[in-house]
């Protein structure tokens, strides 16, 4: 199962880089459905999904990035994603 989750998160990251935003969101939703709420990868999936939504013009994605920051406040990438989303 862990390999499937990693594959989904890697796919989501690639999709975001390639601006295939719908695919990024779908991959993140699938990963989140497989993860327990305490898994360390939940903030990563939330940040990726939130970033894709913000890039689509959906400001609701900001809340997902904020949740990622609150779950893992030591991860600088989540703070950077939040800053970019707020711009």
PDB file of N, CA and C in Angstrom:
ATOM      1  N   UNK A   1       0.829  -1.204   0.000  1.00  0.00           N
ATOM      2  CA  UNK A   1       0.000   0.000   0.000  1.00  0.00           C
ATOM      3  C   UNK A   1       0.863   1.254   0.000  1.00  0.00           C
ATOM      4  N   UNK A   2       1.950   1.229   0.752  1.00  0.00           N
ATOM      5  CA  UNK A   2       2.814   2.395   0.847  1.00  0.00           C
ATOM      6  C   UNK A   2       3.395   2.775  -0.514  1.00  0.00           C
ATOM      7  N   UNK A   3       3.755   1.755  -1.302  1.00  0.00           N
ATOM      8  CA  UNK A   3       4.282   2.030  -2.633  1.00  0.00           C
ATOM      9  C   UNK A   3       3.238   2.704  -3.517  1.00  0.00           C
ATOM     10  N   UNK A   4       1.985   2.295  -3.387  1.00  0.00           N
ATOM     11  CA  UNK A   4       0.904   2.900  -4.169  1.00  0.00           C
ATOM     12  C   UNK A   4       0.720   4.360  -3.773  1.00  0.00           C
ATOM     13  N   UNK A   5       0.813   4.634  -2.493  1.00  0.00           N
ATOM     14  CA  UNK A   5       0.668   6.021  -2.025  1.00  0.00           C
ATOM     15  C   UNK A   5       1.817   6.869  -2.529  1.00  0.00           C
ATOM     16  N   UNK A   6       3.028   6.349  -2.433  1.00  0.00           N
ATOM     17  CA  UNK A   6       4.196   7.092  -2.932  1.00  0.00           C
ATOM     18  C   UNK A   6       4.063   7.361  -4.434  1.00  0.00           C
ATOM     19  N   UNK A   7       3.585   6.367  -5.176  1.00  0.00           N
ATOM     20  CA  UNK A   7       3.392   6.542  -6.618  1.00  0.00           C
ATOM     21  C   UNK A   7       2.367   7.643  -6.887  1.00  0.00           C
ATOM     22  N   UNK A   8       1.293   7.679  -6.106  1.00  0.00           N
ATOM     23  CA  UNK A   8       0.274   8.720  -6.283  1.00  0.00           C
ATOM     24  C   UNK A   8       0.836  10.100  -5.968  1.00  0.00           C
ATOM     25  N   UNK A   9       1.599  10.214  -4.890  1.00  0.00           N
ATOM     26  CA  UNK A   9       2.168  11.521  -4.531  1.00  0.00           C
ATOM     27  C   UNK A   9       3.211  11.967  -5.543  1.00  0.00           C
ATOM     28  N   UNK A  10       4.003  11.033  -6.050  1.00  0.00           N
ATOM     29  CA  UNK A  10       4.973  11.382  -7.100  1.00  0.00           C
ATOM     30  C   UNK A  10       4.252  11.815  -8.375  1.00  0.00           C
ATOM     31  N   UNK A  11       3.196  11.111  -8.712  1.00  0.00           N
ATOM     32  CA  UNK A  11       2.405  11.471  -9.888  1.00  0.00           C
ATOM     33  C   UNK A  11       1.774  12.854  -9.710  1.00  0.00           C
ATOM     34  N   UNK A  12       1.271  13.128  -8.510  1.00  0.00           N
ATOM     35  CA  UNK A  12       0.670  14.433  -8.232  1.00  0.00           C
ATOM     36  C   UNK A  12       1.705  15.551  -8.367  1.00  0.00           C
ATOM     37  N   UNK A  13       2.900  15.302  -7.867  1.00  0.00           N
ATOM     38  CA  UNK A  13       3.968  16.296  -7.970  1.00  0.00           C
ATOM     39  C   UNK A  13       4.313  16.563  -9.435  1.00  0.00           C
ATOM     40  N   UNK A  14       4.458  15.504 -10.210  1.00  0.00           N
ATOM     41  CA  UNK A  14       4.753  15.657 -11.639  1.00  0.00           C
ATOM     42  C   UNK A  14       3.617  16.382 -12.356  1.00  0.00           C
ATOM     43  N   UNK A  15       2.389  16.024 -12.031  1.00  0.00           N
ATOM     44  CA  UNK A  15       1.231  16.660 -12.663  1.00  0.00           C
ATOM     45  C   UNK A  15       1.200  18.155 -12.343  1.00  0.00           C
ATOM     46  N   UNK A  16       1.511  18.515 -11.110  1.00  0.00           N
ATOM     47  CA  UNK A  16       1.522  19.927 -10.736  1.00  0.00           C
ATOM     48  C   UNK A  16       2.596  20.677 -11.513  1.00  0.00           C
ATOM     49  N   UNK A  17       3.757  20.090 -11.634  1.00  0.00           N
ATOM     50  CA  UNK A  17       4.850  20.722 -12.404  1.00  0.00           C
ATOM     51  C   UNK A  17       4.459  20.926 -13.864  1.00  0.00           C
ATOM     52  N   UNK A  18       3.693  19.986 -14.399  1.00  0.00           N
ATOM     53  CA  UNK A  18       3.279  20.041 -15.804  1.00  0.00           C
ATOM     54  C   UNK A  18       1.956  20.779 -15.988  1.00  0.00           C
ATOM     55  N   UNK A  19       1.435  21.346 -14.896  1.00  0.00           N
ATOM     56  CA  UNK A  19       0.190  22.105 -14.903  1.00  0.00           C
ATOM     57  C   UNK A  19      -1.013  21.262 -15.329  1.00  0.00           C
ATOM     58  N   UNK A  20      -0.943  19.970 -15.048  1.00  0.00           N
ATOM     59  CA  UNK A  20      -2.099  19.078 -15.218  1.00  0.00           C
ATOM     60  C   UNK A  20      -2.799  19.053 -13.862  1.00  0.00           C
ATOM     61  N   UNK A  21      -3.480  20.134 -13.573  1.00  0.00           N
ATOM     62  CA  UNK A  21      -3.993  20.386 -12.234  1.00  0.00           C
ATOM     63  C   UNK A  21      -5.091  19.416 -11.824  1.00  0.00           C
ATOM     64  N   UNK A  22      -5.982  19.070 -12.734  1.00  0.00           N
ATOM     65  CA  UNK A  22      -7.027  18.089 -12.416  1.00  0.00           C
ATOM     66  C   UNK A  22      -6.423  16.756 -12.015  1.00  0.00           C
ATOM     67  N   UNK A  23      -5.369  16.347 -12.723  1.00  0.00           N
ATOM     68  CA  UNK A  23      -4.709  15.072 -12.409  1.00  0.00           C
ATOM     69  C   UNK A  23      -4.045  15.145 -11.038  1.00  0.00           C
ATOM     70  N   UNK A  24      -3.426  16.270 -10.724  1.00  0.00           N
ATOM     71  CA  UNK A  24      -2.801  16.454  -9.421  1.00  0.00           C
ATOM     72  C   UNK A  24      -3.841  16.297  -8.304  1.00  0.00           C
ATOM     73  N   UNK A  25      -4.962  16.945  -8.460  1.00  0.00           N
ATOM     74  CA  UNK A  25      -6.022  16.875  -7.450  1.00  0.00           C
ATOM     75  C   UNK A  25      -6.542  15.451  -7.305  1.00  0.00           C
ATOM     76  N   UNK A  26      -6.775  14.782  -8.413  1.00  0.00           N
ATOM     77  CA  UNK A  26      -7.257  13.402  -8.382  1.00  0.00           C
ATOM     78  C   UNK A  26      -6.266  12.488  -7.673  1.00  0.00           C
ATOM     79  N   UNK A  27      -4.981  12.619  -8.002  1.00  0.00           N
ATOM     80  CA  UNK A  27      -3.959  11.791  -7.354  1.00  0.00           C
ATOM     81  C   UNK A  27      -3.916  12.046  -5.851  1.00  0.00           C
ATOM     82  N   UNK A  28      -4.015  13.304  -5.453  1.00  0.00           N
ATOM     83  CA  UNK A  28      -3.992  13.648  -4.027  1.00  0.00           C
ATOM     84  C   UNK A  28      -5.218  13.114  -3.303  1.00  0.00           C
ATOM     85  N   UNK A  29      -6.371  13.234  -3.921  1.00  0.00           N
ATOM     86  CA  UNK A  29      -7.594  12.700  -3.310  1.00  0.00           C
ATOM     87  C   UNK A  29      -7.482  11.190  -3.102  1.00  0.00           C
ATOM     88  N   UNK A  30      -6.927  10.500  -4.089  1.00  0.00           N
ATOM     89  CA  UNK A  30      -6.756   9.055  -3.964  1.00  0.00           C
ATOM     90  C   UNK A  30      -5.762   8.724  -2.856  1.00  0.00           C
ATOM     91  N   UNK A  31      -4.666   9.451  -2.803  1.00  0.00           N
ATOM     92  CA  UNK A  31      -3.667   9.220  -1.748  1.00  0.00           C
ATOM     93  C   UNK A  31      -4.278   9.460  -0.379  1.00  0.00           C
ATOM     94  N   UNK A  32      -5.006  10.550  -0.238  1.00  0.00           N
ATOM     95  CA  UNK A  32      -5.628  10.859   1.056  1.00  0.00           C
ATOM     96  C   UNK A  32      -6.640   9.799   1.475  1.00  0.00           C
ATOM     97  N   UNK A  33      -7.309   9.193   0.509  1.00  0.00           N
ATOM     98  CA  UNK A  33      -8.286   8.146   0.846  1.00  0.00           C
ATOM     99  C   UNK A  33      -7.599   6.882   1.371  1.00  0.00           C
ATOM    100  N   UNK A  34      -6.326   6.714   1.055  1.00  0.00           N
ATOM    101  CA  UNK A  34      -5.575   5.540   1.495  1.00  0.00           C
ATOM    102  C   UNK A  34      -4.778   5.784   2.776  1.00  0.00           C
ATOM    103  N   UNK A  35      -4.537   7.035   3.103  1.00  0.00           N
ATOM    104  CA  UNK A  35      -3.706   7.386   4.251  1.00  0.00           C
ATOM    105  C   UNK A  35      -4.512   7.465   5.538  1.00  0.00           C
ATOM    106  N   UNK A  36      -3.892   7.063   6.635  1.00  0.00           N
ATOM    107  CA  UNK A  36      -4.518   7.299   7.935  1.00  0.00           C
ATOM    108  C   UNK A  36      -4.310   8.783   8.263  1.00  0.00           C
ATOM    109  N   UNK A  37      -5.162   9.317   9.105  1.00  0.00           N
ATOM    110  CA  UNK A  37      -5.097  10.760   9.398  1.00  0.00           C
ATOM    111  C   UNK A  37      -3.800  11.165  10.083  1.00  0.00           C
ATOM    112  N   UNK A  38      -3.072  10.216  10.652  1.00  0.00           N
ATOM    113  CA  UNK A  38      -1.821  10.529  11.353  1.00  0.00           C
ATOM    114  C   UNK A  38      -0.579  10.284  10.495  1.00  0.00           C
ATOM    115  N   UNK A  39      -0.772   9.866   9.268  1.00  0.00           N
ATOM    116  CA  UNK A  39       0.369   9.578   8.395  1.00  0.00           C
ATOM    117  C   UNK A  39       1.113  10.871   8.070  1.00  0.00           C
ATOM    118  N   UNK A  40       2.421  10.791   8.078  1.00  0.00           N
ATOM    119  CA  UNK A  40       3.259  11.976   7.834  1.00  0.00           C
ATOM    120  C   UNK A  40       3.126  12.531   6.418  1.00  0.00           C
ATOM    121  N   UNK A  41       2.519  11.754   5.518  1.00  0.00           N
ATOM    122  CA  UNK A  41       2.371  12.208   4.126  1.00  0.00           C
ATOM    123  C   UNK A  41       1.081  12.981   3.879  1.00  0.00           C
ATOM    124  N   UNK A  42       0.195  13.029   4.860  1.00  0.00           N
ATOM    125  CA  UNK A  42      -1.052  13.784   4.709  1.00  0.00           C
ATOM    126  C   UNK A  42      -0.781  15.256   4.399  1.00  0.00           C
ATOM    127  N   UNK A  43       0.112  15.928   5.131  1.00  0.00           N
ATOM    128  CA  UNK A  43       0.364  17.344   4.807  1.00  0.00           C
ATOM    129  C   UNK A  43       0.888  17.553   3.382  1.00  0.00           C
ATOM    130  N   UNK A  44       1.704  16.627   2.907  1.00  0.00           N
ATOM    131  CA  UNK A  44       2.217  16.732   1.535  1.00  0.00           C
ATOM    132  C   UNK A  44       1.073  16.683   0.527  1.00  0.00           C
ATOM    133  N   UNK A  45       0.171  15.726   0.709  1.00  0.00           N
ATOM    134  CA  UNK A  45      -0.966  15.600  -0.207  1.00  0.00           C
ATOM    135  C   UNK A  45      -1.856  16.838  -0.138  1.00  0.00           C
ATOM    136  N   UNK A  46      -2.089  17.342   1.064  1.00  0.00           N
ATOM    137  CA  UNK A  46      -2.911  18.546   1.212  1.00  0.00           C
ATOM    138  C   UNK A  46      -2.273  19.760   0.551  1.00  0.00           C
ATOM    139  N   UNK A  47      -0.972  19.902   0.730  1.00  0.00           N
ATOM    140  CA  UNK A  47      -0.279  21.042   0.135  1.00  0.00           C
ATOM    141  C   UNK A  47      -0.310  20.985  -1.391  1.00  0.00           C
ATOM    142  N   UNK A  48      -0.056  19.805  -1.934  1.00  0.00           N
ATOM    143  CA  UNK A  48      -0.102  19.652  -3.395  1.00  0.00           C
ATOM    144  C   UNK A  48      -1.502  19.936  -3.934  1.00  0.00           C
ATOM    145  N   UNK A  49      -2.495  19.354  -3.287  1.00  0.00           N
ATOM    146  CA  UNK A  49      -3.869  19.532  -3.747  1.00  0.00           C
ATOM    147  C   UNK A  49      -4.293  20.994  -3.620  1.00  0.00           C
ATOM    148  N   UNK A  50      -3.971  21.616  -2.501  1.00  0.00           N
ATOM    149  CA  UNK A  50      -4.313  23.019  -2.304  1.00  0.00           C
ATOM    150  C   UNK A  50      -3.642  23.918  -3.333  1.00  0.00           C
ATOM    151  N   UNK A  51      -2.386  23.634  -3.626  1.00  0.00           N
ATOM    152  CA  UNK A  51      -1.656  24.427  -4.620  1.00  0.00           C
ATOM    153  C   UNK A  51      -2.299  24.305  -5.997  1.00  0.00           C
ATOM    154  N   UNK A  52      -2.679  23.085  -6.366  1.00  0.00           N
ATOM    155  CA  UNK A  52      -3.348  22.882  -7.661  1.00  0.00           C
ATOM    156  C   UNK A  52      -4.666  23.642  -7.716  1.00  0.00           C
ATOM    157  N   UNK A  53      -5.419  23.595  -6.635  1.00  0.00           N
ATOM    158  CA  UNK A  53      -6.706  24.304  -6.612  1.00  0.00           C
ATOM    159  C   UNK A  53      -6.511  25.808  -6.722  1.00  0.00           C
ATOM    160  N   UNK A  54      -5.539  26.336  -6.011  1.00  0.00           N
ATOM    161  CA  UNK A  54      -5.269  27.780  -6.077  1.00  0.00           C
ATOM    162  C   UNK A  54      -4.861  28.167  -7.497  1.00  0.00           C
ATOM    163  N   UNK A  55      -4.040  27.345  -8.131  1.00  0.00           N
ATOM    164  CA  UNK A  55      -3.621  27.637  -9.501  1.00  0.00           C
ATOM    165  C   UNK A  55      -4.794  27.589 -10.475  1.00  0.00           C
ATOM    166  N   UNK A  56      -5.858  26.874 -10.101  1.00  0.00           N
ATOM    167  CA  UNK A  56      -7.073  26.823 -10.932  1.00  0.00           C
ATOM    168  C   UNK A  56      -8.006  27.991 -10.614  1.00  0.00           C
ATOM    169  N   UNK A  57      -7.618  28.802  -9.648  1.00  0.00           N
ATOM    170  CA  UNK A  57      -8.449  29.942  -9.274  1.00  0.00           C
ATOM    171  C   UNK A  57      -9.391  29.656  -8.130  1.00  0.00           C
ATOM    172  N   UNK A  58      -9.258  28.508  -7.507  1.00  0.00           N
ATOM    173  CA  UNK A  58     -10.120  28.119  -6.401  1.00  0.00           C
ATOM    174  C   UNK A  58      -9.423  28.469  -5.084  1.00  0.00           C
ATOM    175  N   UNK A  59      -9.842  29.552  -4.474  1.00  0.00           N
ATOM    176  CA  UNK A  59      -9.194  30.019  -3.249  1.00  0.00           C
ATOM    177  C   UNK A  59      -9.418  29.088  -2.063  1.00  0.00           C
ATOM    178  N   UNK A  60     -10.330  28.131  -2.199  1.00  0.00           N
ATOM    179  CA  UNK A  60     -10.546  27.160  -1.132  1.00  0.00           C
ATOM    180  C   UNK A  60      -9.297  26.310  -0.896  1.00  0.00           C
ATOM    181  N   UNK A  61      -8.435  26.247  -1.888  1.00  0.00           N
ATOM    182  CA  UNK A  61      -7.185  25.501  -1.743  1.00  0.00           C
ATOM    183  C   UNK A  61      -6.275  26.079  -0.674  1.00  0.00           C
ATOM    184  N   UNK A  62      -6.451  27.352  -0.370  1.00  0.00           N
ATOM    185  CA  UNK A  62      -5.624  27.980   0.670  1.00  0.00           C
ATOM    186  C   UNK A  62      -5.835  27.274   2.004  1.00  0.00           C
ATOM    187  N   UNK A  63      -7.062  26.906   2.317  1.00  0.00           N
ATOM    188  CA  UNK A  63      -7.351  26.225   3.586  1.00  0.00           C
ATOM    189  C   UNK A  63      -6.624  24.884   3.667  1.00  0.00           C
ATOM    190  N   UNK A  64      -6.511  24.191   2.552  1.00  0.00           N
ATOM    191  CA  UNK A  64      -5.810  22.911   2.557  1.00  0.00           C
ATOM    192  C   UNK A  64      -4.322  23.112   2.805  1.00  0.00           C
ATOM    193  N   UNK A  65      -3.761  24.157   2.213  1.00  0.00           N
ATOM    194  CA  UNK A  65      -2.343  24.441   2.446  1.00  0.00           C
ATOM    195  C   UNK A  65      -2.130  24.878   3.894  1.00  0.00           C
ATOM    196  N   UNK A  66      -3.047  25.671   4.427  1.00  0.00           N
ATOM    197  CA  UNK A  66      -2.949  26.073   5.833  1.00  0.00           C
ATOM    198  C   UNK A  66      -2.991  24.854   6.750  1.00  0.00           C
ATOM    199  N   UNK A  67      -3.822  23.886   6.420  1.00  0.00           N
ATOM    200  CA  UNK A  67      -3.896  22.671   7.227  1.00  0.00           C
ATOM    201  C   UNK A  67      -2.578  21.912   7.156  1.00  0.00           C
ATOM    202  N   UNK A  68      -1.965  21.868   5.974  1.00  0.00           N
ATOM    203  CA  UNK A  68      -0.663  21.207   5.827  1.00  0.00           C
ATOM    204  C   UNK A  68       0.375  21.875   6.725  1.00  0.00           C
ATOM    205  N   UNK A  69       0.360  23.206   6.757  1.00  0.00           N
ATOM    206  CA  UNK A  69       1.297  23.948   7.610  1.00  0.00           C
ATOM    207  C   UNK A  69       1.029  23.633   9.073  1.00  0.00           C
ATOM    208  N   UNK A  70      -0.231  23.573   9.459  1.00  0.00           N
ATOM    209  CA  UNK A  70      -0.540  23.308  10.868  1.00  0.00           C
ATOM    210  C   UNK A  70      -0.172  21.875  11.268  1.00  0.00           C
ATOM    211  N   UNK A  71      -0.275  20.931  10.343  1.00  0.00           N
ATOM    212  CA  UNK A  71       0.082  19.546  10.638  1.00  0.00           C
ATOM    213  C   UNK A  71       1.593  19.323  10.681  1.00  0.00           C
ATOM    214  N   UNK A  72       2.326  20.084   9.880  1.00  0.00           N
ATOM    215  CA  UNK A  72       3.791  19.944   9.835  1.00  0.00           C
ATOM    216  C   UNK A  72       4.428  21.325   9.728  1.00  0.00           C
ATOM    217  N   UNK A  73       4.443  22.067  10.841  1.00  0.00           N
ATOM    218  CA  UNK A  73       4.950  23.443  10.805  1.00  0.00           C
ATOM    219  C   UNK A  73       6.459  23.552  10.569  1.00  0.00           C
ATOM    220  N   UNK A  74       7.174  22.455  10.635  1.00  0.00           N
ATOM    221  CA  UNK A  74       8.621  22.484  10.425  1.00  0.00           C
ATOM    222  C   UNK A  74       9.019  22.349   8.950  1.00  0.00           C
ATOM    223  N   UNK A  75       8.048  22.059   8.088  1.00  0.00           N
ATOM    224  CA  UNK A  75       8.350  21.850   6.666  1.00  0.00           C
ATOM    225  C   UNK A  75       8.289  23.178   5.918  1.00  0.00           C
ATOM    226  N   UNK A  76       9.433  23.691   5.471  1.00  0.00           N
ATOM    227  CA  UNK A  76       9.447  24.997   4.809  1.00  0.00           C
ATOM    228  C   UNK A  76       8.673  25.039   3.491  1.00  0.00           C
ATOM    229  N   UNK A  77       8.594  23.912   2.798  1.00  0.00           N
ATOM    230  CA  UNK A  77       7.883  23.908   1.508  1.00  0.00           C
ATOM    231  C   UNK A  77       6.414  24.243   1.680  1.00  0.00           C
ATOM    232  N   UNK A  78       5.821  23.821   2.778  1.00  0.00           N
ATOM    233  CA  UNK A  78       4.418  24.106   3.011  1.00  0.00           C
ATOM    234  C   UNK A  78       4.224  25.598   3.292  1.00  0.00           C
ATOM    235  N   UNK A  79       5.151  26.191   3.998  1.00  0.00           N
ATOM    236  CA  UNK A  79       5.098  27.639   4.249  1.00  0.00           C
ATOM    237  C   UNK A  79       5.264  28.421   2.937  1.00  0.00           C
ATOM    238  N   UNK A  80       6.172  27.951   2.084  1.00  0.00           N
ATOM    239  CA  UNK A  80       6.369  28.617   0.787  1.00  0.00           C
ATOM    240  C   UNK A  80       5.123  28.503  -0.075  1.00  0.00           C
ATOM    241  N   UNK A  81       4.510  27.315  -0.078  1.00  0.00           N
ATOM    242  CA  UNK A  81       3.271  27.120  -0.854  1.00  0.00           C
ATOM    243  C   UNK A  81       2.170  28.037  -0.360  1.00  0.00           C
ATOM    244  N   UNK A  82       2.061  28.192   0.967  1.00  0.00           N
ATOM    245  CA  UNK A  82       1.053  29.061   1.524  1.00  0.00           C
ATOM    246  C   UNK A  82       1.316  30.515   1.139  1.00  0.00           C
ATOM    247  N   UNK A  83       2.561  30.943   1.233  1.00  0.00           N
ATOM    248  CA  UNK A  83       2.904  32.311   0.841  1.00  0.00           C
ATOM    249  C   UNK A  83       2.572  32.580  -0.615  1.00  0.00           C
ATOM    250  N   UNK A  84       2.903  31.649  -1.481  1.00  0.00           N
ATOM    251  CA  UNK A  84       2.595  31.819  -2.904  1.00  0.00           C
ATOM    252  C   UNK A  84       1.099  31.838  -3.140  1.00  0.00           C
ATOM    253  N   UNK A  85       0.366  31.024  -2.425  1.00  0.00           N
ATOM    254  CA  UNK A  85      -1.087  30.978  -2.583  1.00  0.00           C
ATOM    255  C   UNK A  85      -1.721  32.297  -2.144  1.00  0.00           C
ATOM    256  N   UNK A  86      -1.190  32.869  -1.078  1.00  0.00           N
ATOM    257  CA  UNK A  86      -1.753  34.129  -0.586  1.00  0.00           C
ATOM    258  C   UNK A  86      -1.424  35.307  -1.500  1.00  0.00           C
ATOM    259  N   UNK A  87      -0.354  35.198  -2.270  1.00  0.00           N
ATOM    260  CA  UNK A  87      -0.040  36.265  -3.225  1.00  0.00           C
ATOM    261  C   UNK A  87      -1.084  36.308  -4.316  1.00  0.00           C
TER     262      UNK A  87
END
